[in-house]
């Protein structure tokens, strides 16, 4: 089921990398490994929800110029966690401020990722007269099973 949600500007601190769009599975996992193994360095900056849990873990994407446009042949990926907007990234970490967008959000698993992504691009978005307005992001809710994530397809800048 696809939900349409508005998300105001938000900040993420994480480990950034750049690579070929076609080879994401080769270079992105090492960013997660680096972010996860050094998380203690930024854990005090993590934004918390009302229950005191980490608000969210993000795999944020951007074009190489960091304008948060879709990947072309290359892209950038930030494996990190949502933080307060005034947080300052420690040495070796990168902070991105993601602009406000209206998103089409769909949940999937690592196994259904490619199929879900394809469905959104080829079926859901065109059938509902949406166009992609920026880079797509991955959201990992710490309360969900580790295999689950939500894909955020930006459909309108707000």
N, C-alpha and C. Protein backbone atom coordinates (compact mmCIF):
# COMPACT_ATOMS: atom_id res chain seq x y z
N UNK A 1 0.83 -1.18 0.00
CA UNK A 1 0.00 0.00 0.00
C UNK A 1 0.89 1.25 0.00
N UNK A 2 0.56 2.18 -0.87
CA UNK A 2 1.34 3.41 -1.00
C UNK A 2 0.63 4.52 -0.23
N UNK A 3 1.39 5.25 0.58
CA UNK A 3 0.87 6.39 1.32
C UNK A 3 1.46 7.66 0.74
N UNK A 4 0.68 8.73 0.72
CA UNK A 4 1.20 10.04 0.33
C UNK A 4 1.39 10.83 1.62
N UNK A 5 2.62 11.25 1.88
CA UNK A 5 2.93 11.97 3.11
C UNK A 5 3.75 13.22 2.81
N UNK A 6 3.58 14.23 3.66
CA UNK A 6 4.42 15.42 3.57
C UNK A 6 5.45 15.33 4.69
N UNK A 7 6.69 15.56 4.34
CA UNK A 7 7.76 15.56 5.34
C UNK A 7 8.50 16.88 5.21
N UNK A 8 8.51 17.63 6.30
CA UNK A 8 9.22 18.90 6.31
C UNK A 8 10.73 18.64 6.23
N UNK A 9 11.47 19.68 5.98
CA UNK A 9 12.93 19.60 5.90
C UNK A 9 13.45 18.85 7.12
N UNK A 10 14.45 18.00 6.90
CA UNK A 10 15.03 17.26 8.02
C UNK A 10 16.52 17.04 7.77
N UNK A 11 17.22 16.71 8.84
CA UNK A 11 18.68 16.58 8.78
C UNK A 11 19.11 15.16 9.09
N UNK A 12 20.17 14.74 8.41
CA UNK A 12 20.75 13.41 8.60
C UNK A 12 22.26 13.58 8.73
N UNK A 13 22.84 12.86 9.67
CA UNK A 13 24.30 12.77 9.76
C UNK A 13 24.66 11.31 9.51
N UNK A 14 25.63 11.10 8.62
CA UNK A 14 26.02 9.74 8.30
C UNK A 14 27.32 9.68 7.54
N UNK A 15 27.55 8.53 6.95
CA UNK A 15 28.74 8.28 6.14
C UNK A 15 28.33 8.37 4.68
N UNK A 16 29.04 9.22 3.93
CA UNK A 16 28.67 9.48 2.54
C UNK A 16 29.63 8.78 1.58
N UNK A 17 29.08 8.39 0.46
CA UNK A 17 29.89 7.79 -0.60
C UNK A 17 29.34 8.20 -1.95
N UNK A 18 30.15 7.99 -2.96
CA UNK A 18 29.77 8.32 -4.32
C UNK A 18 30.16 7.16 -5.22
N UNK A 19 29.27 6.83 -6.14
CA UNK A 19 29.60 5.73 -7.02
C UNK A 19 28.65 5.62 -8.19
N UNK A 20 28.89 4.61 -8.99
CA UNK A 20 28.07 4.34 -10.16
C UNK A 20 26.66 3.95 -9.73
N UNK A 21 25.66 4.51 -10.41
CA UNK A 21 24.26 4.21 -10.09
C UNK A 21 23.98 2.72 -10.29
N UNK A 22 24.61 2.11 -11.27
CA UNK A 22 24.36 0.69 -11.56
C UNK A 22 25.05 -0.24 -10.58
N UNK A 23 26.00 0.29 -9.80
CA UNK A 23 26.78 -0.56 -8.92
C UNK A 23 26.56 -0.27 -7.44
N UNK A 24 25.40 0.34 -7.10
CA UNK A 24 25.09 0.65 -5.71
C UNK A 24 25.30 -0.52 -4.76
N UNK A 25 24.83 -1.73 -5.13
CA UNK A 25 25.02 -2.87 -4.22
C UNK A 25 26.49 -3.18 -3.92
N UNK A 26 27.40 -2.67 -4.74
CA UNK A 26 28.84 -2.92 -4.50
C UNK A 26 29.44 -1.89 -3.54
N UNK A 27 29.02 -0.63 -3.60
CA UNK A 27 29.68 0.40 -2.79
C UNK A 27 28.86 0.91 -1.61
N UNK A 28 27.55 0.72 -1.61
CA UNK A 28 26.72 1.22 -0.51
C UNK A 28 26.87 0.40 0.78
N UNK A 29 26.92 -0.93 0.74
CA UNK A 29 27.03 -1.69 2.00
C UNK A 29 28.20 -1.28 2.88
N UNK A 30 29.33 -0.89 2.29
CA UNK A 30 30.47 -0.49 3.12
C UNK A 30 30.18 0.81 3.87
N UNK A 31 29.30 1.68 3.32
CA UNK A 31 28.92 2.90 4.04
C UNK A 31 28.11 2.53 5.28
N UNK A 32 27.20 1.57 5.13
CA UNK A 32 26.40 1.12 6.28
C UNK A 32 27.30 0.47 7.33
N UNK A 33 28.26 -0.31 6.88
CA UNK A 33 29.17 -0.97 7.83
C UNK A 33 29.94 0.08 8.63
N UNK A 34 30.43 1.10 7.92
CA UNK A 34 31.20 2.16 8.58
C UNK A 34 30.31 2.96 9.53
N UNK A 35 29.09 3.30 9.08
CA UNK A 35 28.17 4.08 9.93
C UNK A 35 27.78 3.28 11.17
N UNK A 36 27.41 2.02 10.97
CA UNK A 36 26.97 1.19 12.10
C UNK A 36 28.09 0.93 13.10
N UNK A 37 29.29 0.69 12.62
CA UNK A 37 30.38 0.35 13.54
C UNK A 37 30.89 1.58 14.29
N UNK A 38 30.57 2.79 13.82
CA UNK A 38 31.00 4.02 14.49
C UNK A 38 29.84 4.84 15.04
N UNK A 39 28.66 4.21 15.13
CA UNK A 39 27.44 4.94 15.51
C UNK A 39 27.57 5.64 16.86
N UNK A 40 28.36 5.09 17.77
CA UNK A 40 28.53 5.70 19.09
C UNK A 40 29.01 7.15 18.99
N UNK A 41 29.73 7.48 17.91
CA UNK A 41 30.24 8.84 17.72
C UNK A 41 29.13 9.86 17.47
N UNK A 42 27.97 9.40 16.99
CA UNK A 42 26.87 10.34 16.70
C UNK A 42 25.58 10.01 17.45
N UNK A 43 25.57 8.95 18.24
CA UNK A 43 24.32 8.52 18.89
C UNK A 43 23.70 9.63 19.74
N UNK A 44 24.53 10.46 20.36
CA UNK A 44 24.01 11.55 21.20
C UNK A 44 23.33 12.64 20.37
N UNK A 45 23.54 12.64 19.06
CA UNK A 45 22.92 13.63 18.17
C UNK A 45 21.61 13.15 17.57
N UNK A 46 21.32 11.85 17.71
CA UNK A 46 20.14 11.26 17.08
C UNK A 46 18.86 11.92 17.56
N UNK A 47 17.98 12.20 16.61
CA UNK A 47 16.65 12.73 16.94
C UNK A 47 15.83 11.58 17.50
N UNK A 48 15.09 11.86 18.58
CA UNK A 48 14.30 10.82 19.23
C UNK A 48 12.81 11.09 19.04
N UNK A 49 12.03 10.02 19.00
CA UNK A 49 10.58 10.16 18.90
C UNK A 49 10.01 10.35 20.31
N UNK A 50 8.69 10.47 20.39
CA UNK A 50 8.03 10.72 21.67
C UNK A 50 8.33 9.63 22.70
N UNK A 51 8.61 8.41 22.23
CA UNK A 51 8.91 7.30 23.14
C UNK A 51 10.37 7.19 23.51
N UNK A 52 11.20 8.13 23.05
CA UNK A 52 12.62 8.10 23.37
C UNK A 52 13.44 7.19 22.47
N UNK A 53 12.82 6.71 21.39
CA UNK A 53 13.53 5.85 20.43
C UNK A 53 14.12 6.70 19.31
N UNK A 54 15.15 6.19 18.67
CA UNK A 54 15.74 6.88 17.52
C UNK A 54 14.64 7.07 16.47
N UNK A 55 14.49 8.29 15.97
CA UNK A 55 13.39 8.63 15.05
C UNK A 55 13.52 7.91 13.71
N UNK A 56 14.74 7.74 13.25
CA UNK A 56 14.86 7.06 11.97
C UNK A 56 16.28 6.95 11.47
N UNK A 57 16.49 5.87 10.75
CA UNK A 57 17.76 5.60 10.08
C UNK A 57 17.46 5.77 8.58
N UNK A 58 18.31 6.51 7.91
CA UNK A 58 18.05 6.84 6.51
C UNK A 58 19.20 6.43 5.60
N UNK A 59 18.84 5.96 4.45
CA UNK A 59 19.75 5.81 3.32
C UNK A 59 19.31 6.89 2.36
N UNK A 60 19.90 8.07 2.50
CA UNK A 60 19.50 9.22 1.69
C UNK A 60 20.32 9.25 0.41
N UNK A 61 19.69 9.71 -0.65
CA UNK A 61 20.37 9.77 -1.94
C UNK A 61 20.33 11.18 -2.50
N UNK A 62 21.32 11.47 -3.31
CA UNK A 62 21.39 12.75 -3.99
C UNK A 62 22.21 12.61 -5.26
N UNK A 63 22.01 13.57 -6.16
CA UNK A 63 22.88 13.65 -7.32
C UNK A 63 24.28 14.06 -6.82
N UNK A 64 25.27 13.99 -7.68
CA UNK A 64 26.65 14.25 -7.23
C UNK A 64 26.86 15.71 -6.82
N UNK A 65 25.99 16.62 -7.26
CA UNK A 65 26.11 18.03 -6.86
C UNK A 65 25.39 18.34 -5.55
N UNK A 66 24.80 17.32 -4.94
CA UNK A 66 24.06 17.44 -3.68
C UNK A 66 22.92 18.45 -3.76
N UNK A 67 22.20 18.39 -4.88
CA UNK A 67 20.98 19.20 -5.04
C UNK A 67 19.74 18.35 -4.77
N UNK A 68 19.96 17.12 -4.33
CA UNK A 68 18.90 16.15 -4.01
C UNK A 68 18.02 15.84 -5.21
N UNK A 69 18.68 15.81 -6.37
CA UNK A 69 18.01 15.38 -7.59
C UNK A 69 18.33 13.90 -7.79
N UNK A 70 17.61 13.27 -8.71
CA UNK A 70 17.80 11.83 -8.96
C UNK A 70 19.21 11.55 -9.48
N UNK A 71 19.65 10.32 -9.19
CA UNK A 71 20.94 9.87 -9.71
C UNK A 71 20.90 9.84 -11.23
N UNK A 72 22.03 10.17 -11.81
CA UNK A 72 22.20 9.97 -13.25
C UNK A 72 23.11 8.74 -13.37
N UNK A 73 24.28 8.89 -14.01
CA UNK A 73 25.21 7.75 -14.09
C UNK A 73 25.86 7.48 -12.75
N UNK A 74 26.01 8.54 -11.96
CA UNK A 74 26.59 8.43 -10.63
C UNK A 74 25.64 9.06 -9.62
N UNK A 75 25.84 8.71 -8.38
CA UNK A 75 25.05 9.33 -7.32
C UNK A 75 25.81 9.31 -6.02
N UNK A 76 25.23 10.00 -5.04
CA UNK A 76 25.77 9.99 -3.69
C UNK A 76 24.74 9.36 -2.77
N UNK A 77 25.24 8.71 -1.73
CA UNK A 77 24.40 8.00 -0.77
C UNK A 77 24.93 8.32 0.62
N UNK A 78 24.01 8.63 1.54
CA UNK A 78 24.38 8.93 2.92
C UNK A 78 23.69 7.92 3.82
N UNK A 79 24.48 7.07 4.46
CA UNK A 79 23.97 6.07 5.40
C UNK A 79 24.06 6.68 6.79
N UNK A 80 22.89 7.03 7.36
CA UNK A 80 22.97 7.71 8.64
C UNK A 80 21.67 7.75 9.40
N UNK A 81 21.63 8.67 10.36
CA UNK A 81 20.46 8.75 11.22
C UNK A 81 19.96 10.19 11.27
N UNK A 82 18.64 10.30 11.47
CA UNK A 82 18.02 11.62 11.54
C UNK A 82 18.48 12.29 12.83
N UNK A 83 18.82 13.59 12.70
CA UNK A 83 19.33 14.36 13.83
C UNK A 83 18.57 15.68 13.94
N UNK A 84 18.77 16.36 15.06
CA UNK A 84 18.20 17.70 15.21
C UNK A 84 18.84 18.61 14.15
N UNK A 85 18.08 19.59 13.68
CA UNK A 85 18.58 20.45 12.60
C UNK A 85 19.83 21.23 12.98
N UNK A 86 20.03 21.51 14.27
CA UNK A 86 21.21 22.28 14.68
C UNK A 86 22.42 21.40 15.01
N UNK A 87 22.29 20.09 14.80
CA UNK A 87 23.40 19.17 15.09
C UNK A 87 24.58 19.45 14.15
N UNK A 88 25.77 19.31 14.68
CA UNK A 88 26.99 19.51 13.89
C UNK A 88 27.65 18.16 13.71
N UNK A 89 27.97 17.83 12.46
CA UNK A 89 28.59 16.54 12.15
C UNK A 89 30.01 16.50 12.69
N UNK A 90 30.36 15.46 13.44
CA UNK A 90 31.74 15.31 13.91
C UNK A 90 32.68 15.03 12.72
N UNK A 91 33.97 15.15 12.95
CA UNK A 91 34.95 14.84 11.92
C UNK A 91 34.71 13.44 11.36
N UNK A 92 34.78 13.32 10.04
CA UNK A 92 34.61 12.03 9.40
C UNK A 92 33.15 11.70 9.08
N UNK A 93 32.23 12.56 9.48
CA UNK A 93 30.81 12.39 9.23
C UNK A 93 30.32 13.53 8.34
N UNK A 94 29.20 13.31 7.67
CA UNK A 94 28.63 14.32 6.77
C UNK A 94 27.19 14.59 7.18
N UNK A 95 26.80 15.86 7.11
CA UNK A 95 25.42 16.24 7.41
C UNK A 95 24.75 16.72 6.13
N UNK A 96 23.57 16.19 5.88
CA UNK A 96 22.72 16.66 4.78
C UNK A 96 21.43 17.18 5.38
N UNK A 97 20.93 18.27 4.80
CA UNK A 97 19.61 18.79 5.14
C UNK A 97 18.72 18.52 3.93
N UNK A 98 17.79 17.60 4.10
CA UNK A 98 16.91 17.19 3.01
C UNK A 98 15.76 18.18 2.92
N UNK A 99 15.50 18.75 1.73
CA UNK A 99 14.40 19.72 1.60
C UNK A 99 13.03 19.07 1.85
N UNK A 100 12.05 19.91 2.12
CA UNK A 100 10.67 19.44 2.34
C UNK A 100 10.07 18.95 1.03
N UNK A 101 9.42 17.80 1.09
CA UNK A 101 8.76 17.21 -0.08
C UNK A 101 7.47 16.53 0.34
N UNK A 102 6.62 16.35 -0.64
CA UNK A 102 5.50 15.41 -0.52
C UNK A 102 6.04 14.13 -1.15
N UNK A 103 5.84 13.00 -0.45
CA UNK A 103 6.40 11.73 -0.89
C UNK A 103 5.30 10.69 -1.10
N UNK A 104 5.55 9.81 -2.06
CA UNK A 104 4.80 8.56 -2.18
C UNK A 104 5.68 7.54 -1.45
N UNK A 105 5.14 6.96 -0.38
CA UNK A 105 5.92 6.08 0.48
C UNK A 105 5.37 4.66 0.40
N UNK A 106 6.27 3.71 0.20
CA UNK A 106 5.87 2.31 0.12
C UNK A 106 6.84 1.47 0.93
N UNK A 107 6.30 0.53 1.69
CA UNK A 107 7.15 -0.37 2.48
C UNK A 107 7.52 -1.58 1.64
N UNK A 108 8.71 -2.11 1.93
CA UNK A 108 9.16 -3.33 1.25
C UNK A 108 10.19 -4.01 2.15
N UNK A 109 10.75 -5.09 1.65
CA UNK A 109 11.84 -5.77 2.34
C UNK A 109 13.05 -5.71 1.42
N UNK A 110 14.20 -6.12 1.94
CA UNK A 110 15.39 -6.17 1.08
C UNK A 110 15.14 -7.08 -0.13
N UNK A 111 14.41 -8.18 0.10
CA UNK A 111 14.14 -9.12 -1.00
C UNK A 111 13.19 -8.56 -2.05
N UNK A 112 12.24 -7.72 -1.63
CA UNK A 112 11.27 -7.17 -2.60
C UNK A 112 11.64 -5.77 -3.09
N UNK A 113 12.80 -5.27 -2.70
CA UNK A 113 13.24 -3.90 -3.01
C UNK A 113 13.16 -3.60 -4.51
N UNK A 114 13.86 -4.40 -5.32
CA UNK A 114 13.92 -4.13 -6.76
C UNK A 114 12.53 -4.17 -7.40
N UNK A 115 11.76 -5.17 -7.03
CA UNK A 115 10.40 -5.33 -7.57
C UNK A 115 9.51 -4.14 -7.16
N UNK A 116 9.59 -3.72 -5.91
CA UNK A 116 8.80 -2.60 -5.41
C UNK A 116 9.21 -1.30 -6.09
N UNK A 117 10.51 -1.09 -6.21
CA UNK A 117 11.05 0.11 -6.87
C UNK A 117 10.53 0.18 -8.31
N UNK A 118 10.63 -0.93 -9.01
CA UNK A 118 10.18 -1.01 -10.41
C UNK A 118 8.67 -0.72 -10.50
N UNK A 119 7.87 -1.30 -9.61
CA UNK A 119 6.44 -1.07 -9.60
C UNK A 119 6.13 0.42 -9.44
N UNK A 120 6.82 1.07 -8.52
CA UNK A 120 6.57 2.50 -8.27
C UNK A 120 6.89 3.34 -9.51
N UNK A 121 8.03 3.05 -10.13
CA UNK A 121 8.48 3.84 -11.28
C UNK A 121 7.61 3.60 -12.51
N UNK A 122 7.28 2.34 -12.76
CA UNK A 122 6.59 2.02 -14.02
C UNK A 122 5.08 1.98 -13.91
N UNK A 123 4.53 1.74 -12.71
CA UNK A 123 3.07 1.61 -12.58
C UNK A 123 2.45 2.70 -11.70
N UNK A 124 2.76 2.67 -10.41
CA UNK A 124 2.05 3.56 -9.47
C UNK A 124 2.19 5.04 -9.82
N UNK A 125 3.41 5.51 -9.96
CA UNK A 125 3.61 6.95 -10.19
C UNK A 125 2.95 7.41 -11.50
N UNK A 126 3.22 6.76 -12.64
CA UNK A 126 2.58 7.22 -13.88
C UNK A 126 1.05 7.09 -13.85
N UNK A 127 0.53 6.00 -13.29
CA UNK A 127 -0.93 5.80 -13.26
C UNK A 127 -1.62 6.87 -12.42
N UNK A 128 -0.91 7.41 -11.44
CA UNK A 128 -1.48 8.44 -10.56
C UNK A 128 -1.02 9.84 -10.95
N UNK A 129 -0.41 9.94 -12.13
CA UNK A 129 0.04 11.22 -12.71
C UNK A 129 1.04 11.96 -11.81
N UNK A 130 1.90 11.17 -11.14
CA UNK A 130 2.98 11.74 -10.34
C UNK A 130 4.28 11.65 -11.13
N UNK A 131 5.13 12.63 -10.94
CA UNK A 131 6.48 12.54 -11.48
C UNK A 131 7.45 12.65 -10.30
N UNK A 132 8.60 12.07 -10.46
CA UNK A 132 9.59 12.09 -9.38
C UNK A 132 10.25 13.48 -9.37
N UNK A 133 10.20 14.12 -8.19
CA UNK A 133 10.65 15.50 -8.06
C UNK A 133 12.01 15.62 -7.39
N UNK A 134 12.69 14.51 -7.18
CA UNK A 134 13.99 14.56 -6.51
C UNK A 134 14.52 13.16 -6.26
N UNK A 135 15.54 13.11 -5.43
CA UNK A 135 16.18 11.82 -5.11
C UNK A 135 15.28 10.99 -4.20
N UNK A 136 15.32 9.69 -4.41
CA UNK A 136 14.54 8.74 -3.62
C UNK A 136 15.36 8.36 -2.38
N UNK A 137 14.68 8.18 -1.25
CA UNK A 137 15.37 7.84 -0.01
C UNK A 137 14.83 6.54 0.57
N UNK A 138 15.68 5.89 1.36
CA UNK A 138 15.31 4.68 2.10
C UNK A 138 15.19 5.05 3.57
N UNK A 139 14.10 4.60 4.18
CA UNK A 139 13.88 4.86 5.60
C UNK A 139 13.78 3.54 6.34
N UNK A 140 14.59 3.42 7.38
CA UNK A 140 14.60 2.21 8.21
C UNK A 140 14.10 2.61 9.60
N UNK A 141 12.91 2.14 9.94
CA UNK A 141 12.34 2.43 11.25
C UNK A 141 12.97 1.47 12.25
N UNK A 142 13.66 2.00 13.27
CA UNK A 142 14.32 1.11 14.24
C UNK A 142 13.36 0.14 14.92
N UNK A 143 12.05 0.44 14.91
CA UNK A 143 11.07 -0.44 15.55
C UNK A 143 10.67 -1.60 14.63
N UNK A 144 11.00 -1.50 13.33
CA UNK A 144 10.65 -2.56 12.37
C UNK A 144 11.71 -3.66 12.37
N UNK A 145 11.37 -4.76 11.75
CA UNK A 145 12.32 -5.83 11.48
C UNK A 145 13.46 -5.25 10.65
N UNK A 146 14.68 -5.67 10.89
CA UNK A 146 15.85 -5.13 10.18
C UNK A 146 15.75 -5.27 8.66
N UNK A 147 14.99 -6.24 8.20
CA UNK A 147 14.87 -6.49 6.77
C UNK A 147 13.87 -5.52 6.10
N UNK A 148 13.06 -4.80 6.90
CA UNK A 148 12.03 -3.93 6.36
C UNK A 148 12.52 -2.51 6.20
N UNK A 149 11.99 -1.85 5.18
CA UNK A 149 12.29 -0.44 4.96
C UNK A 149 11.14 0.19 4.21
N UNK A 150 11.17 1.51 4.13
CA UNK A 150 10.20 2.25 3.33
C UNK A 150 10.96 3.05 2.31
N UNK A 151 10.46 3.07 1.09
CA UNK A 151 11.05 3.88 0.02
C UNK A 151 10.25 5.17 -0.08
N UNK A 152 10.95 6.28 -0.06
CA UNK A 152 10.33 7.61 -0.14
C UNK A 152 10.60 8.18 -1.54
N UNK A 153 9.55 8.24 -2.35
CA UNK A 153 9.65 8.80 -3.70
C UNK A 153 9.12 10.22 -3.66
N UNK A 154 9.99 11.25 -3.82
CA UNK A 154 9.51 12.64 -3.76
C UNK A 154 8.68 12.97 -5.00
N UNK A 155 7.46 13.46 -4.77
CA UNK A 155 6.57 13.75 -5.91
C UNK A 155 6.24 15.24 -6.03
N UNK A 156 6.60 16.03 -5.01
CA UNK A 156 6.34 17.46 -5.08
C UNK A 156 7.17 18.16 -4.02
N UNK A 157 7.87 19.23 -4.43
CA UNK A 157 8.63 20.03 -3.47
C UNK A 157 7.64 20.93 -2.72
N UNK A 158 7.79 21.01 -1.40
CA UNK A 158 6.88 21.88 -0.63
C UNK A 158 7.66 22.92 0.15
